[in-house]
Amino acid sequence: MPERGLLLRLLAIGSGSLALAAIWGLYNVFMPLLLGEFIDSRALRGAIMGLDNVIAIALIPVVGAWSDRVDGRWGRRLPFLLVGVPVAALSFAALPWGAAALWTLLALDVVFLLAITFYRAPLVALMPDHVPPVERGAANGVITLMAALGGMLALLLIAPTFDVASWLPFALAGGLALLTLAVLLVGSEKHPSHVSSGSVQEEAPLLGALARDVRALVAPAQRGPALLLAGLFCCFFGFAAIEAQFSVLATESLGVSGGRAGQLLGLASGAFVLTALPAGLLSRRLGPLLVMRAGALALALALLVAFALFEPLVIALCMVLAGASWALLLVPAYPLVAGQGGRERVGFYTGMYYLFGSGAAIVAPALVGASMDGFGNSALFVAAAVAMLMGALVLSAAGRYGVETVATRA
C-alpha cells in the first residue's frame, strides 16, 4: 500500500476523478430529459449523447500529448485543469438554463464537452506523475474506487434534487468540481517526481496509431485478442445504452420523476462499488473469462426480467443485480486485455481497450434509441440484453484461443 503522504496526495487527485464521475453520471441521466423537450426521437437523442465519446477519441490524445510537453510554473497537468475545470463546471451548471431553446442547449453542451475533455487526460496523468511504477496498481485502485463512489453518490444523493428544481443537481455538481479543483491544487505537486513523457499516449493513442493498431488485429495470430475485444465491445454496447437511455424509459414509461430515475440508476452504481473488490478476488480464483461471462449472463438475465416484469420495484432490484454483474464483467476486463501482448505491448492493448469501449459508447445510444422509437421504450432492455448475450458468446470463443494463458504469461 502507498505510504501516508502518498495516500493523501492520491486522495486529492482522486477527488478530481470523483467529481468527474459525478458529473458524467448526472449528465447521462438528465441530458436526455433536457433534449426531450425539443427532440422526440430517442435515436437522435442517443446520437447526441454519444458525442462526448467522439470528442474524447479525437481530443484526449492531442491534449495528452500537449500536456506531456508543457512544463511551466504550474507544471505539466495543472494548467489544463485550471482552465478546463471552471469552464466545464460553469457550462454544466448552465445547461438547464440553456434549455430555453435547442440551439442554446446544444451550444452549451458542446462547450461543456470540450471543456471536460480538455482536462480529462491531464487529470488521469496526475496519478502516474505522482506515483512510482511499483505502486501504481494499488494507486489506481484508490482512484477507481473514488470515481465509483462519485458516480454512486451523485445519483443517489444529488440526482433527487432535480425534482426540487431542475437546475439544482447541475449547480451542485458544478460546485463540487470547483471544490475538488481547490483540493487538487493544494494536495498535488506542481512538479512531481515521476513525470514521464508519453504517459497519456498509452491511455489514449493518437488516431493514426489507433487505425494502424486496428489493422494489426486482423492478423491470424491475433484472433484470440480480436475476439476478446469484440466480446467486450458487445458488452460495453449494452451497458452504454442503459446509461444513456434509462432515464428516458423511466420517466416516460414508468412514470417516475427525473430524480427518481437517477436514484434507480444509482442503485446499479452502489452495487458496482460493493461488488468491485469481490469481483477482483473471484477473477484471480476462478479465472477472468469465467467471471466476465457470468457477469454478462447475469446482466442479461436482470435486463430480461426487467422487461418481462415491467414495474418500478422489480426494475429497482434488477438495477442492483445489473450493477453487481457489471462489476464482475468490468473489473477483470482491462487486466486481461492489457496482458495480451506482454509488457512490451501494454500501450497497444490499452489503446485497443479504449477504442472498443469508446466506439461502443458512440453507437449504442443512437442504435438502441432507434429500436425504442420503433418498438417502444421497453426495447431498451431487450436490445441491451441481446448485446450482453452476444458478448458472452464471443468471450467464450476468445477463451478457445488461450487468451487467459497469454495474459498469465505476461
Protein backbone atom coordinates (compact mmCIF):
# COMPACT_ATOMS: atom_id res chain seq x y z
CA MET A 1 0.00 0.00 0.00
CA PRO A 2 1.18 3.57 -0.62
CA GLU A 3 2.77 5.39 2.35
CA ARG A 4 0.73 8.00 4.22
CA GLY A 5 1.94 11.12 2.39
CA LEU A 6 1.43 9.49 -0.97
CA LEU A 7 -2.01 8.27 0.07
CA LEU A 8 -3.06 11.83 0.94
CA ARG A 9 -1.89 13.03 -2.48
CA LEU A 10 -3.80 10.17 -4.08
CA LEU A 11 -6.96 11.16 -2.23
CA ALA A 12 -6.53 14.73 -3.50
CA ILE A 13 -6.06 13.51 -7.07
CA GLY A 14 -8.89 11.02 -6.65
CA SER A 15 -11.23 13.83 -5.63
CA GLY A 16 -10.93 15.11 -9.20
CA SER A 17 -11.98 11.70 -10.53
CA LEU A 18 -14.83 11.63 -8.00
CA ALA A 19 -16.19 14.95 -9.30
CA LEU A 20 -15.69 13.90 -12.92
CA ALA A 21 -17.66 10.67 -12.39
CA ALA A 22 -20.39 12.58 -10.54
CA ILE A 23 -20.82 14.99 -13.44
CA TRP A 24 -20.91 12.19 -16.03
CA GLY A 25 -23.45 10.23 -14.03
CA LEU A 26 -25.79 13.22 -13.79
CA TYR A 27 -25.20 14.15 -17.43
CA ASN A 28 -26.24 10.68 -18.61
CA VAL A 29 -29.46 10.86 -16.59
CA PHE A 30 -30.61 14.43 -17.17
CA MET A 31 -29.26 15.49 -20.56
CA PRO A 32 -31.65 13.13 -22.42
CA LEU A 33 -34.53 14.67 -20.45
CA LEU A 34 -33.47 18.21 -21.41
CA LEU A 35 -33.16 17.12 -25.05
CA GLY A 36 -36.60 15.51 -24.82
CA GLU A 37 -38.16 18.97 -24.52
CA PHE A 38 -37.21 19.55 -28.17
CA ILE A 39 -36.49 16.12 -29.74
CA ASP A 40 -38.93 13.20 -29.69
CA SER A 41 -36.65 10.68 -31.41
CA ARG A 42 -34.74 8.51 -28.97
CA ALA A 43 -32.29 7.70 -31.76
CA LEU A 44 -31.42 11.37 -32.30
CA ARG A 45 -31.13 11.99 -28.58
CA GLY A 46 -28.88 8.94 -28.35
CA ALA A 47 -26.68 10.22 -31.17
CA ILE A 48 -26.20 13.49 -29.28
CA MET A 49 -25.42 11.54 -26.11
CA GLY A 50 -22.67 9.70 -27.99
CA LEU A 51 -21.00 12.98 -28.96
CA ASP A 52 -18.81 13.04 -25.85
CA ASN A 53 -17.08 9.83 -26.92
CA VAL A 54 -16.45 11.18 -30.42
CA ILE A 55 -14.83 14.26 -28.90
CA ALA A 56 -12.89 12.07 -26.46
CA ILE A 57 -11.39 9.87 -29.19
CA ALA A 58 -10.34 12.94 -31.20
CA LEU A 59 -9.25 15.32 -28.43
CA ILE A 60 -7.93 13.35 -25.44
CA PRO A 61 -4.77 12.06 -27.19
CA VAL A 62 -4.00 15.52 -28.56
CA VAL A 63 -4.42 17.23 -25.18
CA GLY A 64 -2.50 14.40 -23.53
CA ALA A 65 0.46 14.87 -25.87
CA TRP A 66 0.26 18.62 -25.29
CA SER A 67 0.33 18.20 -21.51
CA ASP A 68 3.37 15.92 -21.85
CA ARG A 69 5.25 18.84 -23.40
CA VAL A 70 4.11 21.72 -21.19
CA ASP A 71 6.28 22.49 -18.16
CA GLY A 72 5.89 25.92 -16.58
CA ARG A 73 5.20 27.46 -13.21
CA TRP A 74 2.21 25.16 -12.63
CA GLY A 75 3.87 22.06 -14.06
CA ARG A 76 2.50 19.93 -16.89
CA ARG A 77 -1.03 18.95 -15.94
CA LEU A 78 -2.40 21.62 -13.61
CA PRO A 79 -2.65 24.40 -16.25
CA PHE A 80 -5.17 22.28 -18.16
CA LEU A 81 -7.22 21.75 -15.00
CA LEU A 82 -7.08 25.45 -14.12
CA VAL A 83 -8.71 26.24 -17.48
CA GLY A 84 -10.88 23.17 -18.09
CA VAL A 85 -12.48 22.58 -14.69
CA PRO A 86 -14.03 26.06 -14.22
CA VAL A 87 -15.32 26.16 -17.81
CA ALA A 88 -16.76 22.63 -17.53
CA ALA A 89 -18.30 23.35 -14.11
CA LEU A 90 -19.93 26.61 -15.19
CA SER A 91 -21.18 25.31 -18.53
CA PHE A 92 -22.58 22.18 -16.87
CA ALA A 93 -24.35 24.29 -14.25
CA ALA A 94 -25.79 26.42 -17.07
CA LEU A 95 -27.20 23.52 -19.11
CA PRO A 96 -30.75 23.66 -17.70
CA TRP A 97 -30.82 27.44 -18.22
CA GLY A 98 -29.68 26.90 -21.80
CA ALA A 99 -32.71 24.67 -22.39
CA ALA A 100 -34.78 27.74 -23.26
CA ALA A 101 -34.04 26.88 -26.90
CA LEU A 102 -32.49 23.87 -28.63
CA TRP A 103 -29.62 25.83 -30.18
CA THR A 104 -28.55 27.32 -26.83
CA LEU A 105 -28.75 23.90 -25.16
CA LEU A 106 -26.62 22.30 -27.87
CA ALA A 107 -24.14 25.18 -27.86
CA LEU A 108 -23.66 24.90 -24.10
CA ASP A 109 -23.41 21.12 -24.41
CA VAL A 110 -20.55 21.42 -26.92
CA VAL A 111 -18.73 23.91 -24.67
CA PHE A 112 -19.18 21.59 -21.70
CA LEU A 113 -17.98 18.51 -23.60
CA LEU A 114 -14.93 20.30 -24.99
CA ALA A 115 -14.01 21.69 -21.57
CA ILE A 116 -14.39 18.43 -19.66
CA THR A 117 -12.47 16.53 -22.34
CA PHE A 118 -9.76 19.21 -22.25
CA TYR A 119 -8.82 18.37 -18.67
CA ARG A 120 -9.68 14.66 -18.58
CA ALA A 121 -6.34 13.30 -19.86
CA PRO A 122 -4.18 15.60 -17.68
CA LEU A 123 -6.27 14.57 -14.67
CA VAL A 124 -5.68 10.88 -15.43
CA ALA A 125 -1.94 11.53 -15.88
CA LEU A 126 -1.60 13.11 -12.42
CA MET A 127 -1.63 9.66 -10.79
CA PRO A 128 1.39 8.17 -12.63
CA ASP A 129 3.13 11.56 -12.33
CA HIS A 130 3.00 11.29 -8.52
CA VAL A 131 3.36 7.52 -8.01
CA PRO A 132 6.39 5.27 -8.60
CA PRO A 133 5.69 2.42 -11.06
CA VAL A 134 5.72 -0.27 -8.37
CA GLU A 135 2.86 1.45 -6.50
CA ARG A 136 0.64 2.29 -9.48
CA GLY A 137 -1.54 -0.81 -9.28
CA ALA A 138 -2.63 -0.04 -5.73
CA ALA A 139 -2.86 3.67 -6.53
CA ASN A 140 -5.14 3.02 -9.48
CA GLY A 141 -7.39 1.02 -7.19
CA VAL A 142 -7.78 4.06 -4.92
CA ILE A 143 -8.56 6.35 -7.87
CA THR A 144 -11.03 3.87 -9.39
CA LEU A 145 -12.85 3.43 -6.06
CA MET A 146 -13.18 7.20 -5.61
CA ALA A 147 -14.58 7.58 -9.13
CA ALA A 148 -17.11 4.82 -8.48
CA LEU A 149 -18.11 6.49 -5.22
CA GLY A 150 -18.54 9.79 -7.05
CA GLY A 151 -20.95 8.27 -9.55
CA MET A 152 -22.89 6.47 -6.85
CA LEU A 153 -23.25 9.47 -4.52
CA ALA A 154 -24.22 11.77 -7.39
CA LEU A 155 -27.05 9.51 -8.49
CA LEU A 156 -28.30 8.58 -5.04
CA LEU A 157 -27.93 11.94 -3.27
CA ILE A 158 -27.66 14.74 -5.84
CA ALA A 159 -29.99 13.43 -8.56
CA PRO A 160 -33.17 13.60 -6.39
CA THR A 161 -32.73 17.39 -6.14
CA PHE A 162 -33.84 17.53 -9.78
CA ASP A 163 -37.39 17.09 -8.50
CA VAL A 164 -36.99 20.17 -6.29
CA ALA A 165 -35.53 22.36 -9.06
CA SER A 166 -34.23 21.11 -12.40
CA TRP A 167 -31.15 23.32 -12.20
CA LEU A 168 -30.10 22.19 -8.72
CA PRO A 169 -28.17 18.95 -9.47
CA PHE A 170 -26.27 20.71 -12.24
CA ALA A 171 -25.29 23.54 -9.89
CA LEU A 172 -24.31 21.15 -7.08
CA ALA A 173 -22.13 19.04 -9.38
CA GLY A 174 -20.51 22.15 -10.85
CA GLY A 175 -19.76 23.40 -7.33
CA LEU A 176 -18.32 20.00 -6.42
CA ALA A 177 -15.97 20.20 -9.42
CA LEU A 178 -14.73 23.64 -8.35
CA LEU A 179 -14.25 22.43 -4.78
CA THR A 180 -12.22 19.42 -5.87
CA LEU A 181 -10.09 21.65 -8.10
CA ALA A 182 -9.10 23.57 -4.97
CA VAL A 183 -8.33 20.28 -3.20
CA LEU A 184 -6.23 19.18 -6.17
CA LEU A 185 -4.23 22.39 -6.25
CA VAL A 186 -3.45 22.10 -2.53
CA GLY A 187 -2.89 18.34 -2.40
CA SER A 188 -0.91 17.66 -5.57
CA GLU A 189 2.60 18.75 -6.51
CA LYS A 190 3.27 21.18 -9.35
CA HIS A 191 6.45 19.32 -10.29
CA PRO A 192 6.04 15.71 -9.10
CA SER A 193 8.84 13.16 -9.12
CA HIS A 194 7.66 10.56 -11.62
CA VAL A 195 6.65 12.53 -14.72
CA SER A 196 7.45 10.74 -17.97
CA SER A 197 6.62 11.90 -21.46
CA GLY A 198 4.09 9.81 -23.31
CA SER A 199 2.23 8.51 -20.27
CA VAL A 200 -1.07 9.76 -21.66
CA GLN A 201 -0.42 8.23 -25.06
CA GLU A 202 -0.56 4.75 -23.57
CA GLU A 203 -4.04 5.57 -22.27
CA ALA A 204 -5.33 7.21 -25.45
CA PRO A 205 -3.08 6.89 -28.52
CA LEU A 206 -3.43 9.23 -31.48
CA LEU A 207 -5.97 8.38 -34.18
CA GLY A 208 -3.32 7.38 -36.70
CA ALA A 209 -1.80 4.92 -34.25
CA LEU A 210 -5.25 3.55 -33.42
CA ALA A 211 -6.02 2.93 -37.09
CA ARG A 212 -2.70 1.14 -37.56
CA ASP A 213 -3.25 -0.94 -34.45
CA VAL A 214 -6.75 -1.95 -35.57
CA ARG A 215 -5.32 -3.24 -38.84
CA ALA A 216 -2.83 -5.33 -36.88
CA LEU A 217 -5.68 -7.10 -35.09
CA VAL A 218 -6.86 -8.82 -38.27
CA ALA A 219 -3.72 -10.95 -38.44
CA PRO A 220 -4.47 -14.66 -37.83
CA ALA A 221 -2.20 -14.72 -34.78
CA GLN A 222 -4.36 -12.02 -33.18
CA ARG A 223 -7.65 -13.93 -33.45
CA GLY A 224 -7.94 -14.51 -29.70
CA PRO A 225 -7.34 -10.87 -28.67
CA ALA A 226 -9.59 -9.69 -31.51
CA LEU A 227 -12.44 -11.89 -30.26
CA LEU A 228 -11.82 -10.72 -26.70
CA LEU A 229 -12.13 -7.09 -27.78
CA ALA A 230 -15.19 -7.85 -29.92
CA GLY A 231 -16.88 -9.53 -26.96
CA LEU A 232 -16.15 -6.53 -24.77
CA PHE A 233 -17.49 -4.22 -27.48
CA CYS A 234 -20.84 -6.05 -27.29
CA CYS A 235 -20.91 -5.79 -23.50
CA PHE A 236 -19.92 -2.10 -23.50
CA PHE A 237 -22.59 -1.53 -26.13
CA GLY A 238 -25.30 -2.92 -23.87
CA PHE A 239 -24.26 -1.02 -20.76
CA ALA A 240 -23.70 2.28 -22.62
CA ALA A 241 -27.24 2.03 -23.98
CA ILE A 242 -28.64 1.60 -20.46
CA GLU A 243 -26.66 4.57 -19.14
CA ALA A 244 -27.76 6.89 -21.95
CA GLN A 245 -31.41 5.85 -22.34
CA PHE A 246 -32.57 4.60 -18.93
CA SER A 247 -33.85 7.99 -17.74
CA VAL A 248 -35.98 8.27 -20.89
CA LEU A 249 -37.57 4.88 -20.23
CA ALA A 250 -38.05 5.57 -16.51
CA THR A 251 -39.73 8.95 -16.90
CA GLU A 252 -41.81 8.18 -19.99
CA SER A 253 -42.84 4.56 -19.38
CA LEU A 254 -42.60 4.01 -15.63
CA GLY A 255 -43.98 7.40 -14.72
CA VAL A 256 -41.24 8.20 -12.20
CA SER A 257 -39.65 11.63 -11.78
CA GLY A 258 -36.26 12.57 -13.18
CA GLY A 259 -34.73 12.49 -9.70
CA ARG A 260 -36.17 9.05 -9.04
CA ALA A 261 -34.80 7.82 -12.38
CA GLY A 262 -31.34 8.93 -11.26
CA GLN A 263 -31.73 7.07 -7.99
CA LEU A 264 -32.74 3.88 -9.78
CA LEU A 265 -29.58 4.09 -11.88
CA GLY A 266 -27.66 4.93 -8.70
CA LEU A 267 -28.63 1.54 -7.27
CA ALA A 268 -26.54 -0.02 -10.03
CA SER A 269 -23.60 2.23 -9.13
CA GLY A 270 -23.89 1.30 -5.46
CA ALA A 271 -23.97 -2.42 -6.24
CA PHE A 272 -20.94 -1.96 -8.52
CA VAL A 273 -18.94 -0.33 -5.70
CA LEU A 274 -19.81 -3.14 -3.27
CA THR A 275 -19.00 -5.88 -5.79
CA ALA A 276 -15.79 -4.48 -7.28
CA LEU A 277 -13.39 -5.99 -4.72
CA PRO A 278 -15.07 -9.44 -4.65
CA ALA A 279 -15.03 -9.39 -8.47
CA GLY A 280 -11.26 -8.96 -8.46
CA LEU A 281 -10.82 -11.77 -5.94
CA LEU A 282 -13.12 -14.10 -7.90
CA SER A 283 -11.24 -13.30 -11.09
CA ARG A 284 -7.95 -14.41 -9.54
CA ARG A 285 -9.52 -17.54 -8.08
CA LEU A 286 -11.74 -18.72 -10.95
CA GLY A 287 -10.17 -17.01 -13.96
CA PRO A 288 -11.19 -13.72 -15.57
CA LEU A 289 -13.13 -15.14 -18.53
CA LEU A 290 -15.41 -17.27 -16.38
CA VAL A 291 -16.19 -14.31 -14.12
CA MET A 292 -16.73 -11.98 -17.09
CA ARG A 293 -19.08 -14.42 -18.82
CA ALA A 294 -21.00 -14.90 -15.59
CA GLY A 295 -21.32 -11.12 -15.29
CA ALA A 296 -22.57 -10.74 -18.86
CA LEU A 297 -25.11 -13.55 -18.49
CA ALA A 298 -26.35 -12.29 -15.11
CA LEU A 299 -26.71 -8.78 -16.52
CA ALA A 300 -28.67 -10.11 -19.50
CA LEU A 301 -30.93 -12.03 -17.09
CA ALA A 302 -31.54 -8.89 -15.00
CA LEU A 303 -32.50 -6.91 -18.09
CA LEU A 304 -34.85 -9.59 -19.39
CA VAL A 305 -36.57 -9.85 -16.00
CA ALA A 306 -36.95 -6.05 -16.02
CA PHE A 307 -38.53 -6.30 -19.47
CA ALA A 308 -40.89 -9.15 -18.52
CA LEU A 309 -42.00 -7.68 -15.17
CA PHE A 310 -42.12 -4.04 -16.15
CA GLU A 311 -42.71 -2.45 -12.74
CA PRO A 312 -40.64 0.10 -10.74
CA LEU A 313 -39.84 -2.12 -7.73
CA VAL A 314 -38.78 -5.04 -9.92
CA ILE A 315 -36.67 -2.75 -12.08
CA ALA A 316 -35.01 -1.32 -8.95
CA LEU A 317 -34.00 -4.83 -7.88
CA CYS A 318 -32.83 -5.59 -11.41
CA MET A 319 -30.65 -2.46 -11.37
CA VAL A 320 -28.93 -3.76 -8.24
CA LEU A 321 -28.23 -7.08 -9.97
CA ALA A 322 -27.12 -5.23 -13.12
CA GLY A 323 -24.58 -3.12 -11.19
CA ALA A 324 -23.13 -6.15 -9.42
CA SER A 325 -22.98 -8.06 -12.70
CA TRP A 326 -21.26 -5.15 -14.43
CA ALA A 327 -18.52 -5.23 -11.76
CA LEU A 328 -17.95 -8.94 -12.46
CA LEU A 329 -17.53 -8.10 -16.13
CA LEU A 330 -15.62 -4.82 -15.97
CA VAL A 331 -13.11 -5.36 -13.16
CA PRO A 332 -11.23 -8.26 -14.82
CA ALA A 333 -11.60 -6.86 -18.34
CA TYR A 334 -8.76 -4.36 -18.61
CA PRO A 335 -6.07 -6.53 -16.96
CA LEU A 336 -6.99 -9.39 -19.30
CA VAL A 337 -6.82 -7.18 -22.39
CA ALA A 338 -3.61 -5.42 -21.30
CA GLY A 339 -1.88 -8.76 -20.77
CA GLN A 340 -2.42 -9.98 -24.33
CA GLY A 341 0.85 -8.61 -25.69
CA GLY A 342 3.23 -8.91 -22.77
CA ARG A 343 4.98 -5.97 -21.16
CA GLU A 344 6.14 -4.60 -24.50
CA ARG A 345 2.62 -4.06 -25.88
CA VAL A 346 0.66 -2.83 -22.88
CA GLY A 347 0.21 0.55 -24.60
CA PHE A 348 -1.09 -1.11 -27.77
CA TYR A 349 -3.78 -3.12 -25.96
CA THR A 350 -4.62 -0.22 -23.65
CA GLY A 351 -5.36 1.78 -26.79
CA MET A 352 -7.48 -1.03 -28.18
CA TYR A 353 -9.44 -1.34 -24.94
CA TYR A 354 -10.06 2.41 -25.00
CA LEU A 355 -11.06 2.40 -28.69
CA PHE A 356 -13.51 -0.51 -28.49
CA GLY A 357 -15.11 0.84 -25.30
CA SER A 358 -15.49 4.35 -26.69
CA GLY A 359 -16.70 3.05 -30.04
CA ALA A 360 -19.47 1.09 -28.34
CA ALA A 361 -20.49 4.15 -26.34
CA ILE A 362 -20.69 6.21 -29.55
CA VAL A 363 -23.01 3.92 -31.49
CA ALA A 364 -25.08 2.24 -28.75
CA PRO A 365 -27.27 5.17 -27.61
CA ALA A 366 -28.36 6.01 -31.17
CA LEU A 367 -28.91 2.43 -32.39
CA VAL A 368 -30.77 1.32 -29.27
CA GLY A 369 -32.67 4.62 -29.33
CA ALA A 370 -33.83 3.76 -32.85
CA SER A 371 -35.15 0.40 -31.56
CA MET A 372 -37.01 2.30 -28.83
CA ASP A 373 -38.52 4.58 -31.48
CA GLY A 374 -39.73 1.56 -33.42
CA PHE A 375 -40.78 -0.88 -30.68
CA GLY A 376 -41.31 1.19 -27.56
CA ASN A 377 -39.12 2.20 -24.66
CA SER A 378 -39.02 -1.29 -23.16
CA ALA A 379 -36.98 -2.37 -26.22
CA LEU A 380 -34.02 -0.83 -24.35
CA PHE A 381 -33.90 -3.81 -22.00
CA VAL A 382 -34.17 -6.37 -24.81
CA ALA A 383 -31.53 -4.71 -27.01
CA ALA A 384 -29.07 -4.38 -24.12
CA ALA A 385 -29.71 -7.99 -23.03
CA VAL A 386 -29.08 -9.27 -26.57
CA ALA A 387 -25.80 -7.33 -26.65
CA MET A 388 -24.75 -8.93 -23.34
CA LEU A 389 -25.63 -12.43 -24.57
CA MET A 390 -23.65 -11.86 -27.76
CA GLY A 391 -20.76 -10.60 -25.65
CA ALA A 392 -20.81 -13.74 -23.50
CA LEU A 393 -20.77 -15.95 -26.62
CA VAL A 394 -17.87 -14.08 -28.21
CA LEU A 395 -15.90 -14.12 -24.93
CA SER A 396 -16.37 -17.90 -24.84
CA ALA A 397 -14.95 -18.09 -28.36
CA ALA A 398 -11.97 -15.96 -27.28
CA GLY A 399 -11.27 -18.42 -24.48
CA ARG A 400 -10.73 -21.21 -27.00
CA TYR A 401 -7.74 -19.26 -28.34
CA GLY A 402 -5.98 -19.19 -24.97
CA VAL A 403 -6.34 -15.50 -24.12
CA GLU A 404 -6.18 -16.27 -20.38
CA THR A 405 -2.97 -18.28 -20.80
CA VAL A 406 -1.34 -15.45 -22.75
CA ALA A 407 -2.30 -12.89 -20.11
CA THR A 408 -0.96 -15.10 -17.31
CA ARG A 409 2.41 -15.46 -19.04
CA ALA A 410 2.58 -11.67 -19.48
